[in-house]
N, C-alpha and C. Protein backbone atom coordinates (compact mmCIF):
# COMPACT_ATOMS: atom_id res chain seq x y z
N MET A 1 142.88 171.94 127.86
CA MET A 1 143.09 171.03 128.96
C MET A 1 141.78 170.78 129.71
N ARG A 2 141.05 171.85 130.03
CA ARG A 2 139.78 171.68 130.75
C ARG A 2 138.78 170.89 129.92
N ARG A 3 138.77 171.12 128.62
CA ARG A 3 137.84 170.41 127.73
C ARG A 3 138.15 168.92 127.76
N ARG A 4 139.44 168.57 127.71
CA ARG A 4 139.82 167.16 127.75
C ARG A 4 139.45 166.53 129.09
N LEU A 5 139.67 167.29 130.18
CA LEU A 5 139.32 166.80 131.50
C LEU A 5 137.82 166.56 131.61
N ALA A 6 137.02 167.51 131.12
CA ALA A 6 135.56 167.35 131.16
C ALA A 6 135.14 166.15 130.32
N ALA A 7 135.74 165.97 129.15
CA ALA A 7 135.39 164.84 128.29
C ALA A 7 135.76 163.52 128.96
N ALA A 8 136.91 163.49 129.64
CA ALA A 8 137.33 162.27 130.33
C ALA A 8 136.38 161.94 131.48
N VAL A 9 135.98 162.95 132.22
CA VAL A 9 135.04 162.74 133.32
C VAL A 9 133.70 162.26 132.78
N LEU A 10 133.24 162.87 131.69
CA LEU A 10 131.96 162.48 131.11
C LEU A 10 132.00 161.07 130.56
N ALA A 11 133.11 160.71 129.93
CA ALA A 11 133.23 159.37 129.38
C ALA A 11 133.18 158.33 130.49
N ALA A 12 133.65 158.71 131.68
CA ALA A 12 133.61 157.80 132.82
C ALA A 12 132.23 157.74 133.45
N GLY A 13 131.31 158.61 133.02
CA GLY A 13 129.95 158.59 133.54
C GLY A 13 129.79 159.28 134.88
N VAL A 14 130.66 160.24 135.18
CA VAL A 14 130.62 160.95 136.45
C VAL A 14 129.95 162.30 136.23
N LEU A 15 129.09 162.70 137.17
CA LEU A 15 128.39 163.98 137.05
C LEU A 15 129.26 165.13 137.52
N LEU A 16 129.11 166.27 136.87
CA LEU A 16 129.79 167.48 137.31
C LEU A 16 129.06 168.04 138.52
N PRO A 17 129.76 168.72 139.43
CA PRO A 17 129.10 169.29 140.59
C PRO A 17 128.23 170.48 140.24
N GLY A 18 127.54 171.02 141.25
CA GLY A 18 126.53 172.07 141.09
C GLY A 18 126.91 173.21 140.18
N VAL A 19 126.04 173.51 139.23
CA VAL A 19 126.27 174.58 138.27
C VAL A 19 125.93 175.92 138.87
N ASP A 20 124.91 175.97 139.71
CA ASP A 20 124.44 177.24 140.22
C ASP A 20 125.21 177.73 141.43
N GLY A 21 126.33 177.12 141.72
CA GLY A 21 127.16 177.57 142.83
C GLY A 21 126.80 176.91 144.14
N GLY A 22 125.77 176.07 144.16
CA GLY A 22 125.38 175.36 145.37
C GLY A 22 126.40 174.30 145.71
N PRO A 23 126.33 173.73 146.90
CA PRO A 23 127.31 172.71 147.29
C PRO A 23 127.12 171.46 146.46
N ALA A 24 128.21 170.91 146.03
CA ALA A 24 128.16 169.70 145.21
C ALA A 24 128.34 168.50 146.11
N ARG A 25 127.47 167.52 145.96
CA ARG A 25 127.58 166.29 146.74
C ARG A 25 127.60 165.11 145.80
N SER A 26 128.57 165.11 144.89
CA SER A 26 128.64 164.02 143.92
C SER A 26 130.03 163.43 143.93
N ALA A 27 130.20 162.36 143.18
CA ALA A 27 131.49 161.71 143.09
C ALA A 27 132.53 162.61 142.44
N ALA A 28 132.11 163.64 141.74
CA ALA A 28 133.04 164.51 141.03
C ALA A 28 133.28 165.82 141.75
N ALA A 29 133.09 165.86 143.06
CA ALA A 29 133.24 167.12 143.79
C ALA A 29 134.64 167.71 143.62
N GLY A 30 135.64 166.89 143.46
CA GLY A 30 137.00 167.39 143.26
C GLY A 30 137.19 168.10 141.95
N LEU A 31 136.31 167.89 141.00
CA LEU A 31 136.43 168.55 139.70
C LEU A 31 136.21 170.04 139.81
N GLU A 32 135.47 170.50 140.82
CA GLU A 32 135.19 171.94 141.00
C GLU A 32 136.49 172.73 141.07
N ALA A 33 137.45 172.24 141.83
CA ALA A 33 138.72 172.94 141.96
C ALA A 33 139.48 172.93 140.65
N ALA A 34 139.40 171.85 139.91
CA ALA A 34 140.14 171.73 138.65
C ALA A 34 139.63 172.67 137.58
N ARG A 35 138.33 172.91 137.58
CA ARG A 35 137.80 173.73 136.50
C ARG A 35 137.71 175.21 136.87
N GLY A 36 137.82 175.55 138.14
CA GLY A 36 137.81 176.95 138.56
C GLY A 36 136.40 177.46 138.76
N PRO A 37 136.26 178.62 139.42
CA PRO A 37 134.94 179.18 139.70
C PRO A 37 134.23 179.62 138.44
N GLY A 38 132.91 179.40 138.41
CA GLY A 38 132.10 179.86 137.28
C GLY A 38 132.23 179.01 136.04
N ARG A 39 132.95 177.93 136.10
CA ARG A 39 133.13 177.06 134.93
C ARG A 39 132.20 175.87 135.04
N GLY A 40 132.04 175.16 133.93
CA GLY A 40 131.32 173.90 133.97
C GLY A 40 129.84 174.00 133.72
N GLN A 41 129.32 175.19 133.41
CA GLN A 41 127.90 175.28 133.12
C GLN A 41 127.57 174.48 131.88
N GLU A 42 128.52 174.38 130.99
CA GLU A 42 128.30 173.65 129.76
C GLU A 42 129.49 172.74 129.54
N ALA A 43 129.24 171.50 129.27
CA ALA A 43 130.32 170.57 129.02
C ALA A 43 130.42 170.34 127.52
N ALA A 44 131.53 170.73 126.93
CA ALA A 44 131.71 170.54 125.49
C ALA A 44 132.33 169.17 125.28
N SER A 45 131.76 168.40 124.41
CA SER A 45 132.27 167.06 124.18
C SER A 45 131.98 166.64 122.76
N GLY A 46 132.55 165.50 122.39
CA GLY A 46 132.30 164.95 121.07
C GLY A 46 130.87 164.48 120.95
N PRO A 47 130.44 164.15 119.74
CA PRO A 47 129.05 163.82 119.52
C PRO A 47 128.56 162.58 120.26
N ARG A 48 129.43 161.66 120.60
CA ARG A 48 128.98 160.46 121.29
C ARG A 48 129.10 160.58 122.80
N ASP A 49 129.73 161.64 123.29
CA ASP A 49 129.85 161.83 124.73
C ASP A 49 128.58 162.46 125.27
N GLU A 50 128.30 162.23 126.54
CA GLU A 50 127.18 162.89 127.20
C GLU A 50 127.63 164.26 127.66
N GLN A 51 126.73 165.21 127.62
CA GLN A 51 126.98 166.51 128.22
C GLN A 51 126.21 166.55 129.52
N VAL A 52 126.85 166.96 130.59
CA VAL A 52 126.25 166.89 131.90
C VAL A 52 126.37 168.22 132.61
N ALA A 53 125.28 168.67 133.19
CA ALA A 53 125.30 169.84 134.06
C ALA A 53 124.44 169.53 135.26
N ALA A 54 124.81 170.03 136.39
CA ALA A 54 124.01 169.84 137.59
C ALA A 54 123.40 171.17 137.99
N CYS A 55 122.19 171.13 138.45
CA CYS A 55 121.48 172.34 138.83
C CYS A 55 121.04 172.18 140.28
N GLY A 56 121.95 172.37 141.21
CA GLY A 56 121.65 172.22 142.62
C GLY A 56 122.36 171.02 143.20
N PRO A 57 122.23 170.81 144.51
CA PRO A 57 122.90 169.70 145.17
C PRO A 57 122.36 168.36 144.69
N VAL A 58 123.24 167.36 144.68
CA VAL A 58 122.85 166.03 144.20
C VAL A 58 123.04 165.04 145.34
N ASP A 59 122.00 164.82 146.16
CA ASP A 59 122.13 163.86 147.24
C ASP A 59 120.85 163.07 147.48
N HIS A 60 119.85 163.19 146.63
CA HIS A 60 118.60 162.45 146.76
C HIS A 60 118.56 161.33 145.74
N GLU A 61 117.54 160.48 145.90
CA GLU A 61 117.30 159.51 144.84
C GLU A 61 116.92 160.28 143.59
N ARG A 62 117.26 159.75 142.45
CA ARG A 62 116.96 160.45 141.20
C ARG A 62 115.76 159.85 140.52
N ARG A 63 115.00 160.71 139.89
CA ARG A 63 113.94 160.29 138.97
C ARG A 63 114.49 160.60 137.59
N VAL A 64 114.60 159.60 136.75
CA VAL A 64 115.15 159.77 135.41
C VAL A 64 114.00 160.05 134.45
N VAL A 65 114.12 161.14 133.69
CA VAL A 65 113.12 161.50 132.68
C VAL A 65 113.84 161.60 131.35
N ARG A 66 113.40 160.83 130.39
CA ARG A 66 113.98 160.87 129.05
C ARG A 66 113.15 161.81 128.19
N ILE A 67 113.83 162.78 127.58
CA ILE A 67 113.17 163.79 126.76
C ILE A 67 113.66 163.65 125.33
N LEU A 68 112.73 163.62 124.40
CA LEU A 68 113.06 163.58 122.98
C LEU A 68 112.85 164.97 122.40
N ALA A 69 113.90 165.49 121.76
CA ALA A 69 113.82 166.79 121.08
C ALA A 69 113.81 166.52 119.58
N GLU A 70 112.68 166.83 118.94
CA GLU A 70 112.59 166.64 117.49
C GLU A 70 111.36 167.35 116.94
N ARG A 71 111.43 167.68 115.67
CA ARG A 71 110.30 168.30 114.95
C ARG A 71 109.67 169.45 115.73
N PHE A 72 110.52 170.31 116.27
CA PHE A 72 110.11 171.54 116.94
C PHE A 72 109.29 171.31 118.20
N SER A 73 109.60 170.23 118.93
CA SER A 73 108.92 170.00 120.20
C SER A 73 109.81 169.16 121.12
N PHE A 74 109.49 169.21 122.40
CA PHE A 74 110.08 168.33 123.39
C PHE A 74 108.98 167.37 123.84
N THR A 75 109.32 166.08 123.97
CA THR A 75 108.37 165.09 124.45
C THR A 75 109.00 164.34 125.61
N PRO A 76 108.46 164.42 126.82
CA PRO A 76 107.29 165.21 127.22
C PRO A 76 107.66 166.69 127.31
N SER A 77 106.65 167.53 127.18
CA SER A 77 106.89 168.97 127.26
C SER A 77 106.59 169.52 128.65
N GLU A 78 105.94 168.74 129.48
CA GLU A 78 105.71 169.15 130.87
C GLU A 78 106.07 168.00 131.79
N ILE A 79 106.86 168.31 132.81
CA ILE A 79 107.30 167.32 133.79
C ILE A 79 106.87 167.81 135.16
N ARG A 80 106.04 167.04 135.85
CA ARG A 80 105.55 167.42 137.19
C ARG A 80 106.26 166.56 138.23
N VAL A 81 106.78 167.23 139.26
CA VAL A 81 107.49 166.52 140.32
C VAL A 81 107.14 167.14 141.67
N ALA A 82 107.34 166.36 142.70
CA ALA A 82 107.15 166.86 144.07
C ALA A 82 108.41 167.60 144.49
N ARG A 83 108.23 168.60 145.34
CA ARG A 83 109.36 169.34 145.88
C ARG A 83 110.30 168.36 146.57
N GLY A 84 111.60 168.56 146.41
CA GLY A 84 112.61 167.70 147.01
C GLY A 84 113.08 166.58 146.09
N THR A 85 112.47 166.44 144.94
CA THR A 85 112.85 165.40 143.98
C THR A 85 114.09 165.84 143.21
N THR A 86 114.99 164.90 142.97
CA THR A 86 116.13 165.15 142.10
C THR A 86 115.79 164.54 140.74
N LEU A 87 115.79 165.39 139.73
CA LEU A 87 115.50 164.93 138.36
C LEU A 87 116.79 164.75 137.59
N GLU A 88 116.89 163.66 136.88
CA GLU A 88 117.97 163.49 135.91
C GLU A 88 117.29 163.52 134.55
N LEU A 89 117.48 164.62 133.83
CA LEU A 89 116.88 164.78 132.51
C LEU A 89 117.88 164.29 131.47
N ARG A 90 117.48 163.34 130.66
CA ARG A 90 118.34 162.78 129.61
C ARG A 90 117.70 163.16 128.28
N ILE A 91 118.31 164.12 127.58
CA ILE A 91 117.73 164.70 126.38
C ILE A 91 118.47 164.18 125.15
N ARG A 92 117.71 163.67 124.18
CA ARG A 92 118.31 163.20 122.93
C ARG A 92 117.50 163.74 121.76
N SER A 93 118.09 163.70 120.59
CA SER A 93 117.43 164.19 119.38
C SER A 93 117.42 163.09 118.33
N ASP A 94 116.32 163.02 117.60
CA ASP A 94 116.24 162.10 116.47
C ASP A 94 116.36 162.83 115.14
N ASP A 95 116.55 164.15 115.17
CA ASP A 95 116.73 164.88 113.92
C ASP A 95 118.00 165.73 113.98
N THR A 96 117.89 167.02 114.06
CA THR A 96 119.04 167.91 114.02
C THR A 96 119.57 168.20 115.42
N MET A 97 120.66 168.97 115.50
CA MET A 97 121.19 169.37 116.79
C MET A 97 120.26 170.40 117.42
N HIS A 98 120.03 170.26 118.71
CA HIS A 98 119.20 171.19 119.46
C HIS A 98 119.98 171.69 120.67
N GLY A 99 119.42 172.67 121.34
CA GLY A 99 119.96 173.13 122.62
C GLY A 99 118.93 172.84 123.69
N PHE A 100 119.35 172.84 124.94
CA PHE A 100 118.43 172.68 126.06
C PHE A 100 118.83 173.68 127.12
N ARG A 101 117.96 174.66 127.36
CA ARG A 101 118.23 175.71 128.34
C ARG A 101 117.07 175.75 129.33
N ILE A 102 117.40 175.79 130.62
CA ILE A 102 116.39 176.04 131.64
C ILE A 102 116.47 177.53 131.94
N VAL A 103 115.39 178.24 131.62
CA VAL A 103 115.34 179.70 131.74
C VAL A 103 115.57 180.10 133.20
N GLY A 104 116.47 181.05 133.41
CA GLY A 104 116.75 181.55 134.75
C GLY A 104 117.73 180.70 135.55
N ARG A 105 118.24 179.66 134.95
CA ARG A 105 119.23 178.78 135.58
C ARG A 105 120.49 178.79 134.72
N ASN A 106 121.58 178.34 135.27
CA ASN A 106 122.82 178.25 134.51
C ASN A 106 122.92 176.91 133.81
N VAL A 107 121.90 176.58 133.06
CA VAL A 107 121.88 175.32 132.30
C VAL A 107 121.62 175.67 130.84
N ASN A 108 122.56 175.33 129.97
CA ASN A 108 122.42 175.56 128.54
C ASN A 108 123.35 174.58 127.84
N LEU A 109 122.81 173.48 127.36
CA LEU A 109 123.60 172.41 126.76
C LEU A 109 123.22 172.19 125.31
N LEU A 110 124.14 171.62 124.56
CA LEU A 110 123.84 171.18 123.20
C LEU A 110 123.36 169.73 123.26
N VAL A 111 122.36 169.43 122.46
CA VAL A 111 121.83 168.07 122.34
C VAL A 111 122.30 167.54 120.99
N PRO A 112 123.17 166.52 120.97
CA PRO A 112 123.70 166.02 119.70
C PRO A 112 122.60 165.53 118.75
N LYS A 113 122.88 165.63 117.47
CA LYS A 113 121.88 165.27 116.46
C LYS A 113 121.79 163.76 116.24
N ARG A 114 120.66 163.34 115.72
CA ARG A 114 120.39 161.98 115.22
C ARG A 114 120.96 160.84 116.07
N ARG A 115 120.56 160.79 117.30
CA ARG A 115 120.95 159.69 118.19
C ARG A 115 122.46 159.51 118.33
N GLN A 116 123.20 160.60 118.29
CA GLN A 116 124.66 160.52 118.44
C GLN A 116 125.10 160.82 119.86
N GLY A 117 124.21 160.71 120.79
CA GLY A 117 124.52 160.97 122.20
C GLY A 117 123.35 161.66 122.85
N GLU A 118 123.55 162.08 124.07
CA GLU A 118 122.49 162.79 124.77
C GLU A 118 123.10 163.79 125.74
N ALA A 119 122.31 164.77 126.09
CA ALA A 119 122.69 165.74 127.12
C ALA A 119 122.00 165.31 128.41
N VAL A 120 122.69 165.45 129.53
CA VAL A 120 122.14 165.04 130.81
C VAL A 120 122.20 166.23 131.76
N VAL A 121 121.06 166.54 132.36
CA VAL A 121 120.96 167.64 133.32
C VAL A 121 120.40 167.08 134.62
N VAL A 122 121.05 167.39 135.72
CA VAL A 122 120.55 167.02 137.04
C VAL A 122 119.93 168.28 137.64
N PHE A 123 118.64 168.20 137.96
CA PHE A 123 117.88 169.34 138.46
C PHE A 123 117.30 169.01 139.82
N GLU A 124 117.65 169.79 140.82
CA GLU A 124 117.14 169.61 142.18
C GLU A 124 115.90 170.47 142.33
N ALA A 125 114.75 169.85 142.54
CA ALA A 125 113.47 170.56 142.66
C ALA A 125 113.28 171.01 144.11
N VAL A 126 113.95 172.09 144.47
CA VAL A 126 113.94 172.57 145.85
C VAL A 126 112.75 173.47 146.14
N GLU A 127 112.45 174.38 145.22
CA GLU A 127 111.38 175.35 145.43
C GLU A 127 110.19 175.07 144.53
N VAL A 128 108.99 175.22 145.09
CA VAL A 128 107.76 175.06 144.33
C VAL A 128 107.72 176.15 143.26
N GLY A 129 107.31 175.77 142.05
CA GLY A 129 107.21 176.75 140.97
C GLY A 129 107.30 176.11 139.61
N ARG A 130 107.32 176.96 138.60
CA ARG A 130 107.40 176.52 137.21
C ARG A 130 108.76 176.94 136.66
N TYR A 131 109.48 175.98 136.08
CA TYR A 131 110.80 176.22 135.51
C TYR A 131 110.71 175.91 134.02
N ASP A 132 110.68 176.95 133.21
CA ASP A 132 110.54 176.77 131.77
C ASP A 132 111.87 176.35 131.15
N PHE A 133 111.77 175.47 130.14
CA PHE A 133 112.95 175.12 129.35
C PHE A 133 112.62 175.33 127.89
N GLU A 134 113.69 175.47 127.08
CA GLU A 134 113.51 175.78 125.66
C GLU A 134 114.72 175.32 124.87
N CYS A 135 114.54 175.23 123.56
CA CYS A 135 115.65 174.95 122.67
C CYS A 135 116.47 176.24 122.55
N SER A 136 117.75 176.14 122.74
CA SER A 136 118.61 177.32 122.72
C SER A 136 119.49 177.38 121.48
N ARG A 137 119.23 176.52 120.51
CA ARG A 137 119.99 176.52 119.27
C ARG A 137 119.01 176.58 118.11
N LEU A 138 119.20 177.56 117.24
CA LEU A 138 118.30 177.71 116.10
C LEU A 138 118.28 176.41 115.30
N CYS A 139 117.10 175.81 115.18
CA CYS A 139 117.00 174.48 114.57
C CYS A 139 116.03 174.45 113.39
N GLY A 140 115.49 175.59 113.01
CA GLY A 140 114.59 175.63 111.87
C GLY A 140 113.44 176.59 112.10
N ALA A 141 112.48 176.55 111.19
CA ALA A 141 111.36 177.51 111.20
C ALA A 141 110.50 177.41 112.45
N GLY A 142 110.38 176.25 113.05
CA GLY A 142 109.54 176.08 114.24
C GLY A 142 110.30 176.14 115.55
N HIS A 143 111.52 176.65 115.51
CA HIS A 143 112.39 176.71 116.70
C HIS A 143 111.70 177.32 117.91
N ASN A 144 110.96 178.41 117.71
CA ASN A 144 110.32 179.12 118.83
C ASN A 144 109.23 178.30 119.53
N PHE A 145 108.81 177.20 118.92
CA PHE A 145 107.79 176.35 119.53
C PHE A 145 108.39 175.30 120.47
N MET A 146 109.71 175.19 120.47
CA MET A 146 110.38 174.17 121.29
C MET A 146 110.50 174.67 122.72
N ARG A 147 109.45 174.45 123.49
CA ARG A 147 109.40 174.90 124.88
C ARG A 147 108.75 173.83 125.74
N GLY A 148 109.03 173.90 127.01
CA GLY A 148 108.42 172.99 127.97
C GLY A 148 108.60 173.54 129.36
N ALA A 149 108.20 172.75 130.36
CA ALA A 149 108.30 173.22 131.74
C ALA A 149 108.47 172.06 132.71
N ILE A 150 109.21 172.35 133.77
CA ILE A 150 109.27 171.48 134.94
C ILE A 150 108.40 172.16 135.98
N VAL A 151 107.38 171.47 136.45
CA VAL A 151 106.47 172.04 137.45
C VAL A 151 106.74 171.33 138.77
N VAL A 152 107.24 172.10 139.74
CA VAL A 152 107.54 171.56 141.06
C VAL A 152 106.36 171.87 141.98
N GLU A 153 105.76 170.81 142.52
CA GLU A 153 104.57 170.94 143.35
C GLU A 153 104.90 170.61 144.81
N ASP A 154 104.04 171.07 145.70
CA ASP A 154 104.24 170.84 147.13
C ASP A 154 103.91 169.40 147.52
N HIS A 155 103.24 168.68 146.68
CA HIS A 155 102.84 167.30 146.95
C HIS A 155 103.26 166.42 145.78
N SER A 156 103.15 165.14 145.97
CA SER A 156 103.52 164.20 144.92
C SER A 156 102.52 164.28 143.77
N PRO A 157 103.01 164.41 142.51
CA PRO A 157 102.09 164.44 141.37
C PRO A 157 101.24 163.17 141.27
N ALA A 158 101.72 162.05 141.80
CA ALA A 158 100.96 160.80 141.75
C ALA A 158 99.74 160.87 142.67
N ASP A 159 99.72 161.83 143.61
CA ASP A 159 98.57 161.99 144.50
C ASP A 159 97.36 162.53 143.76
N ARG A 160 97.59 163.20 142.63
CA ARG A 160 96.48 163.76 141.86
C ARG A 160 95.94 162.71 140.92
N ARG A 161 94.64 162.64 140.77
CA ARG A 161 94.03 161.67 139.85
C ARG A 161 94.34 162.06 138.42
N GLY A 162 94.71 161.05 137.61
CA GLY A 162 94.95 161.29 136.19
C GLY A 162 96.24 162.02 135.90
N ALA A 163 97.17 162.09 136.85
CA ALA A 163 98.39 162.85 136.63
C ALA A 163 99.34 162.14 135.68
N ALA A 164 99.35 160.82 135.70
CA ALA A 164 100.30 160.09 134.87
C ALA A 164 99.72 159.88 133.48
N VAL A 165 100.48 160.24 132.49
CA VAL A 165 100.09 160.05 131.09
C VAL A 165 101.22 159.30 130.42
N GLU A 166 100.90 158.21 129.79
CA GLU A 166 101.92 157.41 129.14
C GLU A 166 102.48 158.13 127.92
N ALA A 167 103.81 158.04 127.75
CA ALA A 167 104.45 158.60 126.56
C ALA A 167 104.17 157.66 125.40
N PRO A 168 104.11 158.18 124.17
CA PRO A 168 103.89 157.32 123.01
C PRO A 168 104.99 156.26 122.91
N ALA A 169 104.65 155.11 122.37
CA ALA A 169 105.61 154.02 122.23
C ALA A 169 106.82 154.49 121.44
N GLY A 170 108.01 154.15 121.94
CA GLY A 170 109.24 154.51 121.26
C GLY A 170 109.63 155.97 121.47
N ARG A 171 108.94 156.66 122.33
CA ARG A 171 109.23 158.08 122.57
C ARG A 171 109.87 158.23 123.94
N ALA A 172 109.87 159.44 124.45
CA ALA A 172 110.48 159.73 125.73
C ALA A 172 109.74 159.01 126.85
N SER A 173 110.47 158.62 127.88
CA SER A 173 109.87 157.97 129.03
C SER A 173 110.54 158.48 130.28
N SER A 174 109.92 158.19 131.42
CA SER A 174 110.53 158.62 132.67
C SER A 174 110.51 157.47 133.65
N GLY A 175 111.40 157.55 134.63
CA GLY A 175 111.46 156.55 135.67
C GLY A 175 112.26 155.34 135.26
N ALA A 176 112.67 154.58 136.24
CA ALA A 176 113.49 153.41 135.99
C ALA A 176 112.71 152.29 135.33
N ASP A 177 111.38 152.32 135.47
CA ASP A 177 110.57 151.25 134.90
C ASP A 177 110.24 151.48 133.44
N GLY A 178 110.69 152.62 132.86
CA GLY A 178 110.45 152.89 131.45
C GLY A 178 109.10 153.49 131.16
N GLY A 179 108.22 153.63 132.18
CA GLY A 179 106.91 154.24 131.97
C GLY A 179 107.05 155.73 131.79
N GLY A 180 106.13 156.35 131.10
CA GLY A 180 106.22 157.79 130.86
C GLY A 180 105.21 158.54 131.67
N SER A 181 105.55 159.75 132.05
CA SER A 181 104.59 160.62 132.72
C SER A 181 104.85 162.04 132.31
N ARG A 182 103.81 162.83 132.35
CA ARG A 182 103.93 164.24 132.00
C ARG A 182 103.60 165.07 133.18
């Protein structure tokens, strides 16, 4: 029953409330009661459905970052943001099924294989620091190389010279304008 409810909510494009137990400020706040305490860290769904997890409160403007998981790497592998930014990470794969885990957080999702959907994680960058992410599903001989980081800084990354690096054409991008940054 919970799996069907989660799939229905995901198909409607609604985000699940806070995974880490923080207050949820989303359109799906009522889902917290339906799924019970400690549930919802991982949304199981069919291959074309999005998997969604929230990591902290969701009440800021979002910066969308598209991440490509393939050939034993994440692109981009480093994401720099200013403290207070809400990140919406949209992870897809062009090869096999992968996992996406933010180390030390209650985020661990499956990324569907070969463009059959994407996993979506909402991450609230509240504290300055480095938040490592990795592939959490054995995907081949180079699995251990699938790592990256979200770096939360006290200032805007755009304030630093040379901070923006364009993603390769046809690869992962960030922001509503489709431009890429690392």
